[in-house]
Amino acid sequence: MLILKEKMKKQVQDIMLVATGFVVLMMLSCKTSQSLEEQQRNAQEIEQYLQNSSFEIEHRWMQPLRGNQISLIGNPNYIRMYSRDSLSIFLPYFGVRQFSGGYGSASGIEFTGKPKALQMTEDEKGNQIITFSGTQQTEAYDFKITIYPNKNVQTFVRSNQRDNISYDGRIQELDTIRS
């Protein structure tokens, strides 16, 4: 009986040790991944990009409406804003197209020109929201770009000829040499 009590006591101590380690590990992993200084620097850079209407977004992932997430790493794609009147978009597309785009139409989402109804706002969480629309040949697009304080971006595209699609990426300063 005494040996059984000692074994149970040892098991309880082992469980408590593992539980304490787990709690400490969880507390350390919940730490903010960005320092306050880095968050402030990112916020200032994003504000500068939007004030100048000059930035580039490169996406790493796309999420088609009817499929799995697809990596875009190594595949050319971009949204480049040169000014409030000049925008260039090239995004690969994987999904269902309801209407034929006609001879010579793009297989991806391509738009160059002046965005219509361009709005830049901030939501209640401090994320920057950019919305606009545009047309390219016979296709009309609505774009919604959400820029998070850590420079991550989610782009949602709605088309009159294709299924909706979204993209995840990062915003950065416009590289005028490449564009």
C-alpha atoms as a PDB file:
ATOM      1  CA  MET A   1       0.000   0.000   0.000  1.00  0.00           C
ATOM      2  CA  LEU A   2       2.848   2.376   0.881  1.00  0.00           C
ATOM      3  CA  ILE A   3       4.639   1.548  -2.388  1.00  0.00           C
ATOM      4  CA  LEU A   4       1.426   2.246  -4.335  1.00  0.00           C
ATOM      5  CA  LYS A   5       1.062   5.673  -2.647  1.00  0.00           C
ATOM      6  CA  GLU A   6       4.675   6.535  -3.492  1.00  0.00           C
ATOM      7  CA  LYS A   7       4.153   5.546  -7.146  1.00  0.00           C
ATOM      8  CA  MET A   8       0.965   7.627  -7.369  1.00  0.00           C
ATOM      9  CA  LYS A   9       2.727  10.594  -5.740  1.00  0.00           C
ATOM     10  CA  LYS A  10       5.576  10.281  -8.278  1.00  0.00           C
ATOM     11  CA  GLN A  11       3.101  10.102 -11.201  1.00  0.00           C
ATOM     12  CA  VAL A  12       1.256  13.195  -9.957  1.00  0.00           C
ATOM     13  CA  GLN A  13       4.565  15.072  -9.673  1.00  0.00           C
ATOM     14  CA  ASP A  14       5.519  14.023 -13.204  1.00  0.00           C
ATOM     15  CA  ILE A  15       2.153  15.153 -14.544  1.00  0.00           C
ATOM     16  CA  MET A  16       2.462  18.479 -12.727  1.00  0.00           C
ATOM     17  CA  LEU A  17       5.966  18.979 -14.138  1.00  0.00           C
ATOM     18  CA  VAL A  18       4.788  18.281 -17.689  1.00  0.00           C
ATOM     19  CA  ALA A  19       1.727  20.531 -17.239  1.00  0.00           C
ATOM     20  CA  THR A  20       3.895  23.376 -15.884  1.00  0.00           C
ATOM     21  CA  GLY A  21       6.274  22.998 -18.833  1.00  0.00           C
ATOM     22  CA  PHE A  22       3.341  23.059 -21.227  1.00  0.00           C
ATOM     23  CA  VAL A  23       1.910  26.235 -19.665  1.00  0.00           C
ATOM     24  CA  VAL A  24       5.305  27.976 -19.805  1.00  0.00           C
ATOM     25  CA  LEU A  25       5.741  26.919 -23.430  1.00  0.00           C
ATOM     26  CA  MET A  26       2.287  28.221 -24.332  1.00  0.00           C
ATOM     27  CA  MET A  27       2.972  31.548 -22.632  1.00  0.00           C
ATOM     28  CA  LEU A  28       6.230  31.970 -24.536  1.00  0.00           C
ATOM     29  CA  SER A  29       4.665  31.065 -27.880  1.00  0.00           C
ATOM     30  CA  CYS A  30       1.863  33.617 -27.422  1.00  0.00           C
ATOM     31  CA  LYS A  31       4.376  36.444 -27.278  1.00  0.00           C
ATOM     32  CA  THR A  32       3.928  39.066 -30.001  1.00  0.00           C
ATOM     33  CA  SER A  33       5.995  38.179 -33.014  1.00  0.00           C
ATOM     34  CA  GLN A  34       6.796  41.821 -33.789  1.00  0.00           C
ATOM     35  CA  SER A  35       8.389  44.314 -31.467  1.00  0.00           C
ATOM     36  CA  LEU A  36       6.583  47.580 -30.816  1.00  0.00           C
ATOM     37  CA  GLU A  37       9.294  49.412 -32.739  1.00  0.00           C
ATOM     38  CA  GLU A  38       8.830  47.147 -35.764  1.00  0.00           C
ATOM     39  CA  GLN A  39       5.043  47.573 -35.634  1.00  0.00           C
ATOM     40  CA  GLN A  40       5.409  51.359 -35.583  1.00  0.00           C
ATOM     41  CA  ARG A  41       7.887  51.292 -38.465  1.00  0.00           C
ATOM     42  CA  ASN A  42       5.545  49.071 -40.528  1.00  0.00           C
ATOM     43  CA  ALA A  43       2.590  51.360 -39.805  1.00  0.00           C
ATOM     44  CA  GLN A  44       4.585  54.418 -40.929  1.00  0.00           C
ATOM     45  CA  GLU A  45       5.728  52.665 -44.111  1.00  0.00           C
ATOM     46  CA  ILE A  46       2.184  51.562 -44.975  1.00  0.00           C
ATOM     47  CA  GLU A  47       0.893  55.080 -44.340  1.00  0.00           C
ATOM     48  CA  GLN A  48       3.620  56.461 -46.622  1.00  0.00           C
ATOM     49  CA  TYR A  49       2.767  53.953 -49.394  1.00  0.00           C
ATOM     50  CA  LEU A  50      -0.899  54.947 -49.267  1.00  0.00           C
ATOM     51  CA  GLN A  51      -0.262  58.701 -49.036  1.00  0.00           C
ATOM     52  CA  ASN A  52       2.008  58.519 -52.077  1.00  0.00           C
ATOM     53  CA  SER A  53      -0.302  55.992 -53.795  1.00  0.00           C
ATOM     54  CA  SER A  54       2.876  54.142 -54.678  1.00  0.00           C
ATOM     55  CA  PHE A  55       3.378  50.508 -53.694  1.00  0.00           C
ATOM     56  CA  GLU A  56       3.661  46.969 -54.935  1.00  0.00           C
ATOM     57  CA  ILE A  57       1.927  43.837 -53.676  1.00  0.00           C
ATOM     58  CA  GLU A  58       3.314  40.406 -54.417  1.00  0.00           C
ATOM     59  CA  HIS A  59       1.144  37.447 -53.517  1.00  0.00           C
ATOM     60  CA  ARG A  60       2.380  34.116 -52.158  1.00  0.00           C
ATOM     61  CA  TRP A  61      -0.902  32.178 -52.205  1.00  0.00           C
ATOM     62  CA  MET A  62      -4.169  32.121 -54.102  1.00  0.00           C
ATOM     63  CA  GLN A  63      -7.414  30.580 -52.888  1.00  0.00           C
ATOM     64  CA  PRO A  64      -9.812  29.719 -55.709  1.00  0.00           C
ATOM     65  CA  LEU A  65     -13.482  29.529 -54.802  1.00  0.00           C
ATOM     66  CA  ARG A  66     -13.744  25.858 -55.816  1.00  0.00           C
ATOM     67  CA  GLY A  67     -10.326  24.474 -54.981  1.00  0.00           C
ATOM     68  CA  ASN A  68      -7.420  24.223 -52.623  1.00  0.00           C
ATOM     69  CA  GLN A  69      -4.873  26.903 -51.830  1.00  0.00           C
ATOM     70  CA  ILE A  70      -2.180  27.210 -54.517  1.00  0.00           C
ATOM     71  CA  SER A  71       1.342  28.526 -53.979  1.00  0.00           C
ATOM     72  CA  LEU A  72       2.408  31.440 -56.156  1.00  0.00           C
ATOM     73  CA  ILE A  73       5.997  31.458 -54.939  1.00  0.00           C
ATOM     74  CA  GLY A  74       8.196  31.673 -58.025  1.00  0.00           C
ATOM     75  CA  ASN A  75       5.255  32.671 -60.266  1.00  0.00           C
ATOM     76  CA  PRO A  76       5.080  36.263 -61.479  1.00  0.00           C
ATOM     77  CA  ASN A  77       2.194  38.233 -59.992  1.00  0.00           C
ATOM     78  CA  TYR A  78       1.731  41.784 -58.795  1.00  0.00           C
ATOM     79  CA  ILE A  79      -0.449  44.744 -58.058  1.00  0.00           C
ATOM     80  CA  ARG A  80       1.467  47.960 -58.708  1.00  0.00           C
ATOM     81  CA  MET A  81       0.049  51.349 -57.903  1.00  0.00           C
ATOM     82  CA  TYR A  82       2.030  54.179 -59.466  1.00  0.00           C
ATOM     83  CA  SER A  83      -0.425  56.939 -58.505  1.00  0.00           C
ATOM     84  CA  ARG A  84      -4.154  57.266 -57.800  1.00  0.00           C
ATOM     85  CA  ASP A  85      -4.630  57.360 -61.583  1.00  0.00           C
ATOM     86  CA  SER A  86      -2.315  54.543 -62.632  1.00  0.00           C
ATOM     87  CA  LEU A  87      -2.464  50.897 -61.662  1.00  0.00           C
ATOM     88  CA  SER A  88      -1.115  47.691 -63.146  1.00  0.00           C
ATOM     89  CA  ILE A  89      -2.322  44.230 -62.097  1.00  0.00           C
ATOM     90  CA  PHE A  90      -1.207  40.790 -63.183  1.00  0.00           C
ATOM     91  CA  LEU A  91      -2.605  37.884 -61.151  1.00  0.00           C
ATOM     92  CA  PRO A  92      -2.716  34.236 -62.200  1.00  0.00           C
ATOM     93  CA  TYR A  93      -6.181  32.709 -62.142  1.00  0.00           C
ATOM     94  CA  PHE A  94      -7.278  29.171 -61.386  1.00  0.00           C
ATOM     95  CA  GLY A  95     -10.988  28.574 -61.296  1.00  0.00           C
ATOM     96  CA  VAL A  96     -14.181  28.482 -63.287  1.00  0.00           C
ATOM     97  CA  ARG A  97     -14.824  31.004 -66.027  1.00  0.00           C
ATOM     98  CA  GLN A  98     -18.550  31.292 -66.761  1.00  0.00           C
ATOM     99  CA  PHE A  99     -18.251  33.232 -70.031  1.00  0.00           C
ATOM    100  CA  SER A 100     -15.674  33.084 -72.751  1.00  0.00           C
ATOM    101  CA  GLY A 101     -13.428  36.090 -72.802  1.00  0.00           C
ATOM    102  CA  GLY A 102     -13.166  35.996 -76.567  1.00  0.00           C
ATOM    103  CA  TYR A 103     -10.204  35.526 -78.823  1.00  0.00           C
ATOM    104  CA  GLY A 104      -6.964  36.838 -77.369  1.00  0.00           C
ATOM    105  CA  SER A 105      -8.342  37.370 -73.867  1.00  0.00           C
ATOM    106  CA  ALA A 106      -6.068  36.922 -70.875  1.00  0.00           C
ATOM    107  CA  SER A 107      -6.126  33.705 -68.894  1.00  0.00           C
ATOM    108  CA  GLY A 108      -5.131  35.516 -65.716  1.00  0.00           C
ATOM    109  CA  ILE A 109      -6.518  38.669 -64.156  1.00  0.00           C
ATOM    110  CA  GLU A 110      -4.935  41.603 -65.930  1.00  0.00           C
ATOM    111  CA  PHE A 111      -5.763  45.270 -65.573  1.00  0.00           C
ATOM    112  CA  THR A 112      -3.856  48.388 -66.529  1.00  0.00           C
ATOM    113  CA  GLY A 113      -5.188  51.895 -66.252  1.00  0.00           C
ATOM    114  CA  LYS A 114      -7.081  54.209 -63.968  1.00  0.00           C
ATOM    115  CA  PRO A 115      -9.060  52.475 -61.203  1.00  0.00           C
ATOM    116  CA  LYS A 116     -12.717  53.480 -60.884  1.00  0.00           C
ATOM    117  CA  ALA A 117     -14.273  54.426 -57.531  1.00  0.00           C
ATOM    118  CA  LEU A 118     -10.939  54.144 -55.692  1.00  0.00           C
ATOM    119  CA  GLN A 119     -11.381  54.363 -51.914  1.00  0.00           C
ATOM    120  CA  MET A 120      -8.784  54.049 -49.156  1.00  0.00           C
ATOM    121  CA  THR A 121     -10.149  53.649 -45.631  1.00  0.00           C
ATOM    122  CA  GLU A 122      -9.167  52.239 -42.257  1.00  0.00           C
ATOM    123  CA  ASP A 123     -11.338  49.685 -40.460  1.00  0.00           C
ATOM    124  CA  GLU A 124     -11.965  49.469 -36.704  1.00  0.00           C
ATOM    125  CA  LYS A 125      -9.002  47.074 -36.258  1.00  0.00           C
ATOM    126  CA  GLY A 126      -6.486  49.458 -37.844  1.00  0.00           C
ATOM    127  CA  ASN A 127      -6.293  47.598 -41.159  1.00  0.00           C
ATOM    128  CA  GLN A 128      -6.098  49.651 -44.335  1.00  0.00           C
ATOM    129  CA  ILE A 129      -8.792  48.840 -46.918  1.00  0.00           C
ATOM    130  CA  ILE A 130      -8.481  49.737 -50.596  1.00  0.00           C
ATOM    131  CA  THR A 131     -11.440  49.169 -52.905  1.00  0.00           C
ATOM    132  CA  PHE A 132     -11.788  49.948 -56.602  1.00  0.00           C
ATOM    133  CA  SER A 133     -13.143  48.543 -59.828  1.00  0.00           C
ATOM    134  CA  GLY A 134     -11.900  48.326 -63.364  1.00  0.00           C
ATOM    135  CA  THR A 135     -12.613  46.833 -66.747  1.00  0.00           C
ATOM    136  CA  GLN A 136     -10.330  45.123 -69.215  1.00  0.00           C
ATOM    137  CA  GLN A 137     -11.853  44.347 -72.631  1.00  0.00           C
ATOM    138  CA  THR A 138     -15.212  42.694 -71.821  1.00  0.00           C
ATOM    139  CA  GLU A 139     -14.467  41.778 -68.213  1.00  0.00           C
ATOM    140  CA  ALA A 140     -15.315  43.902 -65.161  1.00  0.00           C
ATOM    141  CA  TYR A 141     -13.516  43.494 -61.831  1.00  0.00           C
ATOM    142  CA  ASP A 142     -14.123  44.601 -58.252  1.00  0.00           C
ATOM    143  CA  PHE A 143     -11.063  44.563 -55.995  1.00  0.00           C
ATOM    144  CA  LYS A 144     -10.843  44.726 -52.221  1.00  0.00           C
ATOM    145  CA  ILE A 145      -7.357  44.849 -50.721  1.00  0.00           C
ATOM    146  CA  THR A 146      -6.891  44.563 -46.958  1.00  0.00           C
ATOM    147  CA  ILE A 147      -3.483  45.650 -45.663  1.00  0.00           C
ATOM    148  CA  TYR A 148      -2.699  44.442 -42.147  1.00  0.00           C
ATOM    149  CA  PRO A 149      -0.309  46.295 -39.787  1.00  0.00           C
ATOM    150  CA  ASN A 150       2.388  43.602 -40.282  1.00  0.00           C
ATOM    151  CA  LYS A 151       2.413  44.317 -44.073  1.00  0.00           C
ATOM    152  CA  ASN A 152       0.507  41.143 -44.926  1.00  0.00           C
ATOM    153  CA  VAL A 153      -2.158  41.666 -47.555  1.00  0.00           C
ATOM    154  CA  GLN A 154      -5.322  39.873 -48.599  1.00  0.00           C
ATOM    155  CA  THR A 155      -6.718  40.664 -52.036  1.00  0.00           C
ATOM    156  CA  PHE A 156     -10.258  39.661 -53.009  1.00  0.00           C
ATOM    157  CA  VAL A 157     -11.287  39.800 -56.672  1.00  0.00           C
ATOM    158  CA  ARG A 158     -14.818  39.560 -58.028  1.00  0.00           C
ATOM    159  CA  SER A 159     -15.383  39.307 -61.774  1.00  0.00           C
ATOM    160  CA  ASN A 160     -18.443  39.348 -63.999  1.00  0.00           C
ATOM    161  CA  GLN A 161     -17.058  36.359 -65.939  1.00  0.00           C
ATOM    162  CA  ARG A 162     -15.239  34.200 -63.382  1.00  0.00           C
ATOM    163  CA  ASP A 163     -15.588  32.727 -59.906  1.00  0.00           C
ATOM    164  CA  ASN A 164     -14.380  34.922 -57.038  1.00  0.00           C
ATOM    165  CA  ILE A 165     -10.793  34.387 -55.936  1.00  0.00           C
ATOM    166  CA  SER A 166      -8.565  35.686 -53.157  1.00  0.00           C
ATOM    167  CA  TYR A 167      -4.813  36.084 -52.768  1.00  0.00           C
ATOM    168  CA  ASP A 168      -2.471  36.442 -49.774  1.00  0.00           C
ATOM    169  CA  GLY A 169       0.793  38.340 -49.980  1.00  0.00           C
ATOM    170  CA  ARG A 170       2.870  41.288 -48.771  1.00  0.00           C
ATOM    171  CA  ILE A 171       3.029  44.986 -49.535  1.00  0.00           C
ATOM    172  CA  GLN A 172       6.315  46.732 -50.208  1.00  0.00           C
ATOM    173  CA  GLU A 173       7.776  49.876 -51.666  1.00  0.00           C
ATOM    174  CA  LEU A 174       7.314  50.130 -55.422  1.00  0.00           C
ATOM    175  CA  ASP A 175      10.495  49.049 -57.153  1.00  0.00           C
ATOM    176  CA  THR A 176      10.668  51.598 -59.981  1.00  0.00           C
ATOM    177  CA  ILE A 177      13.528  49.713 -61.631  1.00  0.00           C
ATOM    178  CA  ARG A 178      11.429  46.540 -62.142  1.00  0.00           C
ATOM    179  CA  SER A 179       8.165  48.242 -63.018  1.00  0.00           C
END
